[in-house]
Amino acid sequence: MACNGHWKQYKHTNTLYKLHMTGAQLKKYMEWSANYYNTFRPGDLTISFNPAIRAYNYDMFEGVLYDVDISAEPGSRIRNLTWPDGAP
């Protein structure tokens, strides 16, 4: 199989969109995506995932720097969100 044919194996179509949004809107969406993780509690041995959220609905973000604190409650997990130059 040639490398240029790998995309043909994926049965779902995908569309790439470019969106214009504020930093607050981006952070809100990032918080929604971070709901994929269950809240990590003291004594937990592993990270666990919310069974109500399908793995393909978890998004990662490029073009910004950020931390995801899964020990924080949902809605407060995205930390240190900045542009690559450090600007908020």
PDB file of N, CA and C in Angstrom:
ATOM      1  N   MET A   1       0.843  -1.169   0.000  1.00  0.00           N
ATOM      2  CA  MET A   1       0.000   0.000   0.000  1.00  0.00           C
ATOM      3  C   MET A   1       0.888   1.231   0.000  1.00  0.00           C
ATOM      4  N   ALA A   2       0.567   2.156  -0.845  1.00  0.00           N
ATOM      5  CA  ALA A   2       1.312   3.411  -0.895  1.00  0.00           C
ATOM      6  C   ALA A   2       0.852   4.331   0.228  1.00  0.00           C
ATOM      7  N   CYS A   3       1.764   5.148   0.720  1.00  0.00           N
ATOM      8  CA  CYS A   3       1.423   6.084   1.792  1.00  0.00           C
ATOM      9  C   CYS A   3       0.296   7.023   1.395  1.00  0.00           C
ATOM     10  N   ASN A   4       0.204   7.371   0.141  1.00  0.00           N
ATOM     11  CA  ASN A   4      -0.817   8.326  -0.259  1.00  0.00           C
ATOM     12  C   ASN A   4      -2.217   7.719  -0.276  1.00  0.00           C
ATOM     13  N   GLY A   5      -2.368   6.452   0.066  1.00  0.00           N
ATOM     14  CA  GLY A   5      -3.684   5.828   0.091  1.00  0.00           C
ATOM     15  C   GLY A   5      -4.241   5.592   1.480  1.00  0.00           C
ATOM     16  N   HIS A   6      -3.512   5.973   2.538  1.00  0.00           N
ATOM     17  CA  HIS A   6      -3.957   5.717   3.910  1.00  0.00           C
ATOM     18  C   HIS A   6      -5.279   6.397   4.210  1.00  0.00           C
ATOM     19  N   TRP A   7      -5.488   7.589   3.703  1.00  0.00           N
ATOM     20  CA  TRP A   7      -6.712   8.322   4.003  1.00  0.00           C
ATOM     21  C   TRP A   7      -7.938   7.574   3.502  1.00  0.00           C
ATOM     22  N   LYS A   8      -7.795   6.718   2.522  1.00  0.00           N
ATOM     23  CA  LYS A   8      -8.925   5.985   1.964  1.00  0.00           C
ATOM     24  C   LYS A   8      -9.448   4.914   2.930  1.00  0.00           C
ATOM     25  N   GLN A   9      -8.652   4.528   3.908  1.00  0.00           N
ATOM     26  CA  GLN A   9      -9.070   3.511   4.874  1.00  0.00           C
ATOM     27  C   GLN A   9     -10.026   4.072   5.910  1.00  0.00           C
ATOM     28  N   TYR A  10     -10.028   5.355   6.128  1.00  0.00           N
ATOM     29  CA  TYR A  10     -10.867   5.986   7.140  1.00  0.00           C
ATOM     30  C   TYR A  10     -12.231   6.232   6.528  1.00  0.00           C
ATOM     31  N   LYS A  11     -13.266   5.615   7.107  1.00  0.00           N
ATOM     32  CA  LYS A  11     -14.582   5.630   6.474  1.00  0.00           C
ATOM     33  C   LYS A  11     -15.383   6.914   6.700  1.00  0.00           C
ATOM     34  N   HIS A  12     -14.938   7.767   7.622  1.00  0.00           N
ATOM     35  CA  HIS A  12     -15.681   8.981   7.930  1.00  0.00           C
ATOM     36  C   HIS A  12     -15.069  10.179   7.222  1.00  0.00           C
ATOM     37  N   THR A  13     -15.914  11.035   6.704  1.00  0.00           N
ATOM     38  CA  THR A  13     -15.400  12.254   6.095  1.00  0.00           C
ATOM     39  C   THR A  13     -15.114  13.273   7.186  1.00  0.00           C
ATOM     40  N   ASN A  14     -14.162  14.095   6.961  1.00  0.00           N
ATOM     41  CA  ASN A  14     -13.790  15.151   7.905  1.00  0.00           C
ATOM     42  C   ASN A  14     -13.719  16.471   7.151  1.00  0.00           C
ATOM     43  N   THR A  15     -14.021  17.520   7.862  1.00  0.00           N
ATOM     44  CA  THR A  15     -13.947  18.853   7.289  1.00  0.00           C
ATOM     45  C   THR A  15     -13.141  19.721   8.233  1.00  0.00           C
ATOM     46  N   LEU A  16     -12.241  20.491   7.679  1.00  0.00           N
ATOM     47  CA  LEU A  16     -11.435  21.408   8.470  1.00  0.00           C
ATOM     48  C   LEU A  16     -12.030  22.798   8.340  1.00  0.00           C
ATOM     49  N   TYR A  17     -12.289  23.429   9.468  1.00  0.00           N
ATOM     50  CA  TYR A  17     -12.826  24.778   9.488  1.00  0.00           C
ATOM     51  C   TYR A  17     -11.842  25.709  10.165  1.00  0.00           C
ATOM     52  N   LYS A  18     -11.816  26.935   9.708  1.00  0.00           N
ATOM     53  CA  LYS A  18     -11.051  27.982  10.370  1.00  0.00           C
ATOM     54  C   LYS A  18     -12.060  28.863  11.089  1.00  0.00           C
ATOM     55  N   LEU A  19     -11.900  29.008  12.382  1.00  0.00           N
ATOM     56  CA  LEU A  19     -12.819  29.799  13.184  1.00  0.00           C
ATOM     57  C   LEU A  19     -12.107  31.006  13.773  1.00  0.00           C
ATOM     58  N   HIS A  20     -12.806  32.098  13.851  1.00  0.00           N
ATOM     59  CA  HIS A  20     -12.318  33.280  14.549  1.00  0.00           C
ATOM     60  C   HIS A  20     -13.058  33.343  15.871  1.00  0.00           C
ATOM     61  N   MET A  21     -12.313  33.398  16.965  1.00  0.00           N
ATOM     62  CA  MET A  21     -12.947  33.449  18.281  1.00  0.00           C
ATOM     63  C   MET A  21     -12.065  34.212  19.251  1.00  0.00           C
ATOM     64  N   THR A  22     -12.675  34.597  20.338  1.00  0.00           N
ATOM     65  CA  THR A  22     -11.925  35.300  21.383  1.00  0.00           C
ATOM     66  C   THR A  22     -11.179  34.280  22.228  1.00  0.00           C
ATOM     67  N   GLY A  23     -10.266  34.771  23.044  1.00  0.00           N
ATOM     68  CA  GLY A  23      -9.564  33.894  23.975  1.00  0.00           C
ATOM     69  C   GLY A  23     -10.516  33.240  24.960  1.00  0.00           C
ATOM     70  N   ALA A  24     -11.535  33.975  25.397  1.00  0.00           N
ATOM     71  CA  ALA A  24     -12.519  33.418  26.330  1.00  0.00           C
ATOM     72  C   ALA A  24     -13.312  32.294  25.668  1.00  0.00           C
ATOM     73  N   GLN A  25     -13.672  32.467  24.388  1.00  0.00           N
ATOM     74  CA  GLN A  25     -14.397  31.419  23.681  1.00  0.00           C
ATOM     75  C   GLN A  25     -13.523  30.178  23.502  1.00  0.00           C
ATOM     76  N   LEU A  26     -12.248  30.388  23.178  1.00  0.00           N
ATOM     77  CA  LEU A  26     -11.334  29.262  23.022  1.00  0.00           C
ATOM     78  C   LEU A  26     -11.195  28.510  24.331  1.00  0.00           C
ATOM     79  N   LYS A  27     -10.998  29.233  25.429  1.00  0.00           N
ATOM     80  CA  LYS A  27     -10.831  28.571  26.726  1.00  0.00           C
ATOM     81  C   LYS A  27     -12.094  27.799  27.106  1.00  0.00           C
ATOM     82  N   LYS A  28     -13.254  28.354  26.829  1.00  0.00           N
ATOM     83  CA  LYS A  28     -14.510  27.651  27.124  1.00  0.00           C
ATOM     84  C   LYS A  28     -14.583  26.336  26.346  1.00  0.00           C
ATOM     85  N   TYR A  29     -14.206  26.367  25.079  1.00  0.00           N
ATOM     86  CA  TYR A  29     -14.209  25.138  24.283  1.00  0.00           C
ATOM     87  C   TYR A  29     -13.161  24.144  24.797  1.00  0.00           C
ATOM     88  N   MET A  30     -12.001  24.658  25.181  1.00  0.00           N
ATOM     89  CA  MET A  30     -10.964  23.783  25.728  1.00  0.00           C
ATOM     90  C   MET A  30     -11.443  23.112  27.013  1.00  0.00           C
ATOM     91  N   GLU A  31     -12.153  23.870  27.854  1.00  0.00           N
ATOM     92  CA  GLU A  31     -12.713  23.295  29.086  1.00  0.00           C
ATOM     93  C   GLU A  31     -13.718  22.197  28.752  1.00  0.00           C
ATOM     94  N   TRP A  32     -14.529  22.428  27.741  1.00  0.00           N
ATOM     95  CA  TRP A  32     -15.499  21.398  27.321  1.00  0.00           C
ATOM     96  C   TRP A  32     -14.760  20.133  26.901  1.00  0.00           C
ATOM     97  N   SER A  33     -13.703  20.282  26.124  1.00  0.00           N
ATOM     98  CA  SER A  33     -12.934  19.133  25.663  1.00  0.00           C
ATOM     99  C   SER A  33     -12.266  18.397  26.822  1.00  0.00           C
ATOM    100  N   ALA A  34     -11.822  19.127  27.838  1.00  0.00           N
ATOM    101  CA  ALA A  34     -11.155  18.520  28.997  1.00  0.00           C
ATOM    102  C   ALA A  34     -12.115  17.693  29.856  1.00  0.00           C
ATOM    103  N   ASN A  35     -13.411  17.788  29.605  1.00  0.00           N
ATOM    104  CA  ASN A  35     -14.372  16.930  30.313  1.00  0.00           C
ATOM    105  C   ASN A  35     -14.204  15.460  29.961  1.00  0.00           C
ATOM    106  N   TYR A  36     -13.411  15.169  28.949  1.00  0.00           N
ATOM    107  CA  TYR A  36     -13.113  13.792  28.566  1.00  0.00           C
ATOM    108  C   TYR A  36     -12.470  13.030  29.730  1.00  0.00           C
ATOM    109  N   TYR A  37     -11.730  13.740  30.560  1.00  0.00           N
ATOM    110  CA  TYR A  37     -11.064  13.120  31.703  1.00  0.00           C
ATOM    111  C   TYR A  37     -11.958  13.171  32.936  1.00  0.00           C
ATOM    112  N   ASN A  38     -11.988  12.082  33.683  1.00  0.00           N
ATOM    113  CA  ASN A  38     -12.597  12.128  35.015  1.00  0.00           C
ATOM    114  C   ASN A  38     -11.654  12.894  35.930  1.00  0.00           C
ATOM    115  N   THR A  39     -12.200  13.481  36.978  1.00  0.00           N
ATOM    116  CA  THR A  39     -11.372  14.233  37.920  1.00  0.00           C
ATOM    117  C   THR A  39     -10.452  13.279  38.667  1.00  0.00           C
ATOM    118  N   PHE A  40      -9.165  13.552  38.635  1.00  0.00           N
ATOM    119  CA  PHE A  40      -8.166  12.741  39.323  1.00  0.00           C
ATOM    120  C   PHE A  40      -8.214  13.064  40.808  1.00  0.00           C
ATOM    121  N   ARG A  41      -8.362  12.057  41.612  1.00  0.00           N
ATOM    122  CA  ARG A  41      -8.481  12.220  43.065  1.00  0.00           C
ATOM    123  C   ARG A  41      -7.261  11.618  43.770  1.00  0.00           C
ATOM    124  N   PRO A  42      -6.915  12.129  44.945  1.00  0.00           N
ATOM    125  CA  PRO A  42      -5.821  11.508  45.709  1.00  0.00           C
ATOM    126  C   PRO A  42      -6.114  10.016  45.913  1.00  0.00           C
ATOM    127  N   GLY A  43      -5.120   9.205  45.678  1.00  0.00           N
ATOM    128  CA  GLY A  43      -5.283   7.761  45.807  1.00  0.00           C
ATOM    129  C   GLY A  43      -5.582   7.066  44.491  1.00  0.00           C
ATOM    130  N   ASP A  44      -5.976   7.812  43.460  1.00  0.00           N
ATOM    131  CA  ASP A  44      -6.195   7.196  42.148  1.00  0.00           C
ATOM    132  C   ASP A  44      -4.865   6.661  41.628  1.00  0.00           C
ATOM    133  N   LEU A  45      -4.906   5.489  41.023  1.00  0.00           N
ATOM    134  CA  LEU A  45      -3.696   4.895  40.481  1.00  0.00           C
ATOM    135  C   LEU A  45      -3.495   5.212  39.007  1.00  0.00           C
ATOM    136  N   THR A  46      -4.571   5.507  38.321  1.00  0.00           N
ATOM    137  CA  THR A  46      -4.478   5.806  36.894  1.00  0.00           C
ATOM    138  C   THR A  46      -5.405   6.952  36.531  1.00  0.00           C
ATOM    139  N   ILE A  47      -5.227   7.457  35.349  1.00  0.00           N
ATOM    140  CA  ILE A  47      -6.149   8.444  34.787  1.00  0.00           C
ATOM    141  C   ILE A  47      -7.335   7.670  34.243  1.00  0.00           C
ATOM    142  N   SER A  48      -8.532   8.173  34.476  1.00  0.00           N
ATOM    143  CA  SER A  48      -9.708   7.517  33.909  1.00  0.00           C
ATOM    144  C   SER A  48     -10.472   8.508  33.045  1.00  0.00           C
ATOM    145  N   PHE A  49     -11.300   7.972  32.196  1.00  0.00           N
ATOM    146  CA  PHE A  49     -11.976   8.768  31.194  1.00  0.00           C
ATOM    147  C   PHE A  49     -13.482   8.695  31.363  1.00  0.00           C
ATOM    148  N   ASN A  50     -14.151   9.768  31.031  1.00  0.00           N
ATOM    149  CA  ASN A  50     -15.595   9.856  31.133  1.00  0.00           C
ATOM    150  C   ASN A  50     -16.207   8.948  30.068  1.00  0.00           C
ATOM    151  N   PRO A  51     -16.928   7.890  30.466  1.00  0.00           N
ATOM    152  CA  PRO A  51     -17.479   6.961  29.480  1.00  0.00           C
ATOM    153  C   PRO A  51     -18.583   7.581  28.618  1.00  0.00           C
ATOM    154  N   ALA A  52     -19.115   8.711  29.036  1.00  0.00           N
ATOM    155  CA  ALA A  52     -20.170   9.369  28.261  1.00  0.00           C
ATOM    156  C   ALA A  52     -19.606  10.186  27.095  1.00  0.00           C
ATOM    157  N   ILE A  53     -18.283  10.371  27.063  1.00  0.00           N
ATOM    158  CA  ILE A  53     -17.660  11.167  26.001  1.00  0.00           C
ATOM    159  C   ILE A  53     -16.788  10.244  25.160  1.00  0.00           C
ATOM    160  N   ARG A  54     -17.084  10.174  23.898  1.00  0.00           N
ATOM    161  CA  ARG A  54     -16.315   9.326  22.985  1.00  0.00           C
ATOM    162  C   ARG A  54     -14.920   9.915  22.782  1.00  0.00           C
ATOM    163  N   ALA A  55     -13.934   9.053  22.676  1.00  0.00           N
ATOM    164  CA  ALA A  55     -12.540   9.505  22.555  1.00  0.00           C
ATOM    165  C   ALA A  55     -12.335  10.410  21.344  1.00  0.00           C
ATOM    166  N   TYR A  56     -13.070  10.182  20.275  1.00  0.00           N
ATOM    167  CA  TYR A  56     -12.876  11.014  19.091  1.00  0.00           C
ATOM    168  C   TYR A  56     -13.412  12.439  19.270  1.00  0.00           C
ATOM    169  N   ASN A  57     -14.102  12.696  20.371  1.00  0.00           N
ATOM    170  CA  ASN A  57     -14.572  14.056  20.662  1.00  0.00           C
ATOM    171  C   ASN A  57     -13.585  14.854  21.506  1.00  0.00           C
ATOM    172  N   TYR A  58     -12.475  14.229  21.892  1.00  0.00           N
ATOM    173  CA  TYR A  58     -11.442  14.959  22.635  1.00  0.00           C
ATOM    174  C   TYR A  58     -10.563  15.700  21.642  1.00  0.00           C
ATOM    175  N   ASP A  59     -10.404  16.977  21.845  1.00  0.00           N
ATOM    176  CA  ASP A  59      -9.588  17.787  20.943  1.00  0.00           C
ATOM    177  C   ASP A  59      -8.334  18.278  21.653  1.00  0.00           C
ATOM    178  N   MET A  60      -7.243  18.340  20.905  1.00  0.00           N
ATOM    179  CA  MET A  60      -6.011  18.962  21.361  1.00  0.00           C
ATOM    180  C   MET A  60      -5.821  20.221  20.531  1.00  0.00           C
ATOM    181  N   PHE A  61      -5.053  21.155  21.031  1.00  0.00           N
ATOM    182  CA  PHE A  61      -4.982  22.467  20.408  1.00  0.00           C
ATOM    183  C   PHE A  61      -3.546  22.818  20.077  1.00  0.00           C
ATOM    184  N   GLU A  62      -3.368  23.410  18.911  1.00  0.00           N
ATOM    185  CA  GLU A  62      -2.051  23.821  18.450  1.00  0.00           C
ATOM    186  C   GLU A  62      -2.060  25.327  18.244  1.00  0.00           C
ATOM    187  N   GLY A  63      -0.926  25.951  18.460  1.00  0.00           N
ATOM    188  CA  GLY A  63      -0.813  27.389  18.268  1.00  0.00           C
ATOM    189  C   GLY A  63      -0.968  28.171  19.554  1.00  0.00           C
ATOM    190  N   VAL A  64      -1.229  27.457  20.651  1.00  0.00           N
ATOM    191  CA  VAL A  64      -1.282  28.062  21.983  1.00  0.00           C
ATOM    192  C   VAL A  64      -0.582  27.104  22.942  1.00  0.00           C
ATOM    193  N   LEU A  65      -0.139  27.633  24.070  1.00  0.00           N
ATOM    194  CA  LEU A  65       0.446  26.809  25.122  1.00  0.00           C
ATOM    195  C   LEU A  65      -0.545  26.738  26.265  1.00  0.00           C
ATOM    196  N   TYR A  66      -0.669  25.572  26.892  1.00  0.00           N
ATOM    197  CA  TYR A  66      -1.626  25.415  27.983  1.00  0.00           C
ATOM    198  C   TYR A  66      -1.331  24.143  28.760  1.00  0.00           C
ATOM    199  N   ASP A  67      -1.860  24.076  29.959  1.00  0.00           N
ATOM    200  CA  ASP A  67      -1.792  22.884  30.788  1.00  0.00           C
ATOM    201  C   ASP A  67      -3.216  22.438  31.073  1.00  0.00           C
ATOM    202  N   VAL A  68      -3.413  21.128  31.190  1.00  0.00           N
ATOM    203  CA  VAL A  68      -4.704  20.577  31.596  1.00  0.00           C
ATOM    204  C   VAL A  68      -4.501  19.950  32.972  1.00  0.00           C
ATOM    205  N   ASP A  69      -5.153  20.493  33.983  1.00  0.00           N
ATOM    206  CA  ASP A  69      -5.058  19.990  35.356  1.00  0.00           C
ATOM    207  C   ASP A  69      -6.282  19.118  35.621  1.00  0.00           C
ATOM    208  N   ILE A  70      -6.125  17.802  35.463  1.00  0.00           N
ATOM    209  CA  ILE A  70      -7.281  16.918  35.635  1.00  0.00           C
ATOM    210  C   ILE A  70      -7.633  16.680  37.106  1.00  0.00           C
ATOM    211  N   SER A  71      -6.847  17.241  38.012  1.00  0.00           N
ATOM    212  CA  SER A  71      -7.234  17.160  39.425  1.00  0.00           C
ATOM    213  C   SER A  71      -8.191  18.295  39.780  1.00  0.00           C
ATOM    214  N   ALA A  72      -8.326  19.278  38.903  1.00  0.00           N
ATOM    215  CA  ALA A  72      -9.273  20.381  39.115  1.00  0.00           C
ATOM    216  C   ALA A  72     -10.659  19.944  38.641  1.00  0.00           C
ATOM    217  N   GLU A  73     -11.662  20.594  39.157  1.00  0.00           N
ATOM    218  CA  GLU A  73     -13.028  20.270  38.760  1.00  0.00           C
ATOM    219  C   GLU A  73     -13.280  20.717  37.320  1.00  0.00           C
ATOM    220  N   PRO A  74     -14.176  20.026  36.617  1.00  0.00           N
ATOM    221  CA  PRO A  74     -14.517  20.441  35.255  1.00  0.00           C
ATOM    222  C   PRO A  74     -14.914  21.914  35.215  1.00  0.00           C
ATOM    223  N   GLY A  75     -14.444  22.600  34.195  1.00  0.00           N
ATOM    224  CA  GLY A  75     -14.692  24.027  34.059  1.00  0.00           C
ATOM    225  C   GLY A  75     -13.544  24.877  34.563  1.00  0.00           C
ATOM    226  N   SER A  76     -12.593  24.238  35.275  1.00  0.00           N
ATOM    227  CA  SER A  76     -11.437  24.965  35.835  1.00  0.00           C
ATOM    228  C   SER A  76     -10.137  24.217  35.568  1.00  0.00           C
ATOM    229  N   ARG A  77     -10.074  23.465  34.502  1.00  0.00           N
ATOM    230  CA  ARG A  77      -8.924  22.606  34.246  1.00  0.00           C
ATOM    231  C   ARG A  77      -7.851  23.223  33.358  1.00  0.00           C
ATOM    232  N   ILE A  78      -8.227  24.145  32.505  1.00  0.00           N
ATOM    233  CA  ILE A  78      -7.256  24.736  31.589  1.00  0.00           C
ATOM    234  C   ILE A  78      -6.485  25.814  32.340  1.00  0.00           C
ATOM    235  N   ARG A  79      -5.184  25.637  32.385  1.00  0.00           N
ATOM    236  CA  ARG A  79      -4.308  26.550  33.130  1.00  0.00           C
ATOM    237  C   ARG A  79      -3.228  27.083  32.194  1.00  0.00           C
ATOM    238  N   ASN A  80      -2.715  28.261  32.521  1.00  0.00           N
ATOM    239  CA  ASN A  80      -1.547  28.832  31.843  1.00  0.00           C
ATOM    240  C   ASN A  80      -1.738  28.948  30.325  1.00  0.00           C
ATOM    241  N   LEU A  81      -2.918  29.330  29.890  1.00  0.00           N
ATOM    242  CA  LEU A  81      -3.206  29.466  28.462  1.00  0.00           C
ATOM    243  C   LEU A  81      -2.557  30.741  27.928  1.00  0.00           C
ATOM    244  N   THR A  82      -1.620  30.577  26.999  1.00  0.00           N
ATOM    245  CA  THR A  82      -0.908  31.727  26.426  1.00  0.00           C
ATOM    246  C   THR A  82      -0.640  31.470  24.941  1.00  0.00           C
ATOM    247  N   TRP A  83      -0.267  32.541  24.250  1.00  0.00           N
ATOM    248  CA  TRP A  83       0.292  32.416  22.924  1.00  0.00           C
ATOM    249  C   TRP A  83       1.713  31.871  23.067  1.00  0.00           C
ATOM    250  N   PRO A  84       2.296  31.335  22.021  1.00  0.00           N
ATOM    251  CA  PRO A  84       3.668  30.811  22.128  1.00  0.00           C
ATOM    252  C   PRO A  84       4.692  31.823  22.622  1.00  0.00           C
ATOM    253  N   ASP A  85       4.447  33.124  22.404  1.00  0.00           N
ATOM    254  CA  ASP A  85       5.395  34.136  22.890  1.00  0.00           C
ATOM    255  C   ASP A  85       5.183  34.492  24.353  1.00  0.00           C
ATOM    256  N   GLY A  86       4.220  33.815  25.014  1.00  0.00           N
ATOM    257  CA  GLY A  86       3.956  34.050  26.425  1.00  0.00           C
ATOM    258  C   GLY A  86       2.870  35.060  26.700  1.00  0.00           C
ATOM    259  N   ALA A  87       2.367  35.723  25.672  1.00  0.00           N
ATOM    260  CA  ALA A  87       1.284  36.703  25.868  1.00  0.00           C
ATOM    261  C   ALA A  87      -0.016  35.977  26.200  1.00  0.00           C
ATOM    262  N   PRO A  88      -0.785  36.550  27.128  1.00  0.00           N
ATOM    263  CA  PRO A  88      -2.073  35.907  27.491  1.00  0.00           C
ATOM    264  C   PRO A  88      -3.083  35.977  26.366  1.00  0.00           C
TER     265      PRO A  88
END
